Protein backbone atom coordinates (compact mmCIF):
# COMPACT_ATOMS: atom_id res chain seq x y z
CA MET A 1 28.67 30.51 26.63
CA ARG A 2 28.89 31.69 23.09
CA LYS A 3 31.84 29.28 22.52
CA LEU A 4 29.95 26.35 23.71
CA THR A 5 27.30 27.26 21.33
CA LEU A 6 29.46 27.29 18.35
CA VAL A 7 31.15 23.62 19.67
CA PHE A 8 27.73 22.31 19.32
CA MET A 9 26.47 23.75 15.97
CA ALA A 10 29.77 22.69 14.65
CA ALA A 11 29.10 18.61 15.78
CA GLY A 12 25.65 19.00 14.21
CA LEU A 13 27.10 20.66 10.76
CA SER A 14 29.62 17.60 10.85
CA LEU A 15 26.83 15.05 11.57
CA LEU A 16 24.88 16.39 8.94
CA GLY A 17 27.71 16.27 6.40
CA GLY A 18 27.54 12.47 6.49
CA CYS A 19 23.75 12.35 5.33
CA ASP A 20 22.88 11.52 1.89
CA ILE A 21 19.99 13.24 1.07
CA ASP A 22 19.35 10.93 -1.85
CA THR A 23 19.80 7.73 0.26
CA VAL A 24 17.13 9.37 2.65
CA ALA A 25 14.57 9.62 -0.16
CA ALA A 26 15.04 6.27 -1.31
CA GLU A 27 14.14 4.84 1.93
CA LYS A 28 10.98 6.20 1.99
CA PRO A 29 8.59 3.64 1.02
CA THR A 30 6.29 4.16 -2.33
CA ALA A 31 2.49 3.85 -2.26
CA ALA A 32 2.65 0.48 -4.01
CA GLN A 33 5.60 -0.55 -1.06
CA ARG A 34 3.24 0.52 1.46
CA GLY A 35 0.30 -1.08 0.14
CA ALA A 36 1.98 -4.36 -0.04
CA ASP A 37 2.93 -3.97 3.65
CA LEU A 38 -0.80 -3.50 4.25
CA ILE A 39 -2.03 -6.47 2.05
CA ALA A 40 0.22 -8.54 4.28
CA GLU A 41 -0.59 -7.02 7.82
CA VAL A 42 -4.46 -6.94 7.38
CA GLY A 43 -4.50 -10.40 5.99
CA CYS A 44 -5.79 -10.05 2.45
CA GLY A 45 -3.97 -13.48 1.65
CA SER A 46 -6.04 -15.40 3.76
CA CYS A 47 -8.57 -15.22 1.08
CA HIS A 48 -6.70 -14.17 -2.20
CA THR A 49 -3.65 -15.55 -3.91
CA ILE A 50 -1.71 -12.06 -4.45
CA PRO A 51 1.77 -12.14 -6.22
CA GLY A 52 4.49 -10.80 -4.38
CA ILE A 53 2.87 -11.47 -1.04
CA GLN A 54 4.04 -13.99 1.50
CA GLY A 55 1.92 -16.23 2.31
CA ALA A 56 -1.16 -15.00 0.37
CA ASN A 57 -2.47 -18.00 -1.11
CA GLY A 58 -6.28 -17.93 -0.09
CA LEU A 59 -8.83 -19.70 -1.99
CA VAL A 60 -12.15 -17.65 -0.98
CA GLY A 61 -12.18 -14.77 -3.32
CA PRO A 62 -9.91 -14.56 -6.94
CA PRO A 63 -6.70 -14.33 -7.43
CA LEU A 64 -5.33 -10.80 -8.00
CA ASP A 65 -2.80 -11.43 -10.31
CA GLN A 66 -2.97 -9.29 -13.27
CA MET A 67 -5.28 -7.05 -11.42
CA ALA A 68 -3.93 -3.82 -13.60
CA ARG A 69 -5.34 -5.55 -16.62
CA ARG A 70 -8.23 -6.62 -15.51
CA ILE A 71 -11.68 -4.83 -16.98
CA TYR A 72 -13.94 -5.14 -13.99
CA ILE A 73 -13.73 -5.24 -10.24
CA ALA A 74 -15.95 -7.59 -9.12
CA GLY A 75 -18.06 -8.01 -12.38
CA LYS A 76 -19.71 -4.77 -11.80
CA LEU A 77 -16.84 -1.81 -11.61
CA ARG A 78 -14.62 -0.69 -14.44
CA ASN A 79 -11.12 -0.87 -13.05
CA SER A 80 -10.06 2.26 -12.79
CA PRO A 81 -8.10 3.38 -9.12
CA ASP A 82 -10.86 5.35 -7.79
CA ASN A 83 -13.18 2.31 -8.33
CA MET A 84 -10.88 -0.10 -6.71
CA VAL A 85 -10.39 2.30 -3.84
CA ARG A 86 -14.49 2.38 -3.62
CA TRP A 87 -14.08 -1.39 -3.82
CA ILE A 88 -11.87 -1.99 -0.98
CA LEU A 89 -13.50 0.64 1.17
CA ASN A 90 -17.22 -0.64 0.76
CA PRO A 91 -17.28 -3.81 -0.74
CA GLN A 92 -20.95 -4.73 0.35
CA LYS A 93 -22.26 -1.54 -0.83
CA VAL A 94 -20.87 -2.28 -4.13
CA SER A 95 -22.23 -5.60 -4.11
CA PRO A 96 -23.95 -6.55 -1.14
CA GLY A 97 -24.21 -9.95 -0.15
CA ASN A 98 -20.80 -10.80 -1.67
CA ALA A 99 -17.83 -12.70 0.58
CA MET A 100 -15.52 -9.61 0.50
CA PRO A 101 -15.88 -8.16 4.31
CA ASP A 102 -15.66 -4.40 5.29
CA MET A 103 -11.71 -4.36 6.26
CA GLY A 104 -12.08 -1.05 8.32
CA LEU A 105 -9.47 0.50 6.20
CA THR A 106 -8.78 4.41 5.71
CA GLU A 107 -9.00 6.15 2.13
CA SER A 108 -5.45 6.55 2.54
CA GLN A 109 -4.70 2.59 3.00
CA ALA A 110 -7.02 1.82 0.58
CA GLU A 111 -5.26 3.94 -2.08
CA ASP A 112 -1.66 2.40 -1.15
CA ILE A 113 -3.20 -1.07 -1.70
CA THR A 114 -4.93 0.25 -5.06
CA ALA A 115 -1.40 1.46 -5.81
CA TYR A 116 0.24 -2.02 -5.35
CA LEU A 117 -2.47 -3.77 -7.11
CA ALA A 118 -1.80 -1.68 -10.27
CA THR A 119 1.64 -3.20 -10.58
CA LEU A 120 0.20 -6.91 -11.20
CA GLU A 121 0.27 -7.12 -14.73
């Protein structure tokens, strides 16, 4: 039995030898990458034109190009990561009656979307 255990351990170690820790770390998506994926998944591009998002050419909301350089969000909030998350999570609370719907996102998802929007300079 002990010999069999050693064989399995040796086989496992030989498999691990092929793993590249840097490659595994590089494959983990960044917050901005997750945000871009979420933007595409939830359909933000049906209302906004968003650089880097395929098919994001909507004309309902403002274009989101150069979002990182803008002073205000929705003409009311200073453009900061905390305020962007606040806006994404509950736009009707920030500006009642505006066209932006509540997308039902989690705070973590809103943070990832904010990270992507922060790359749009």
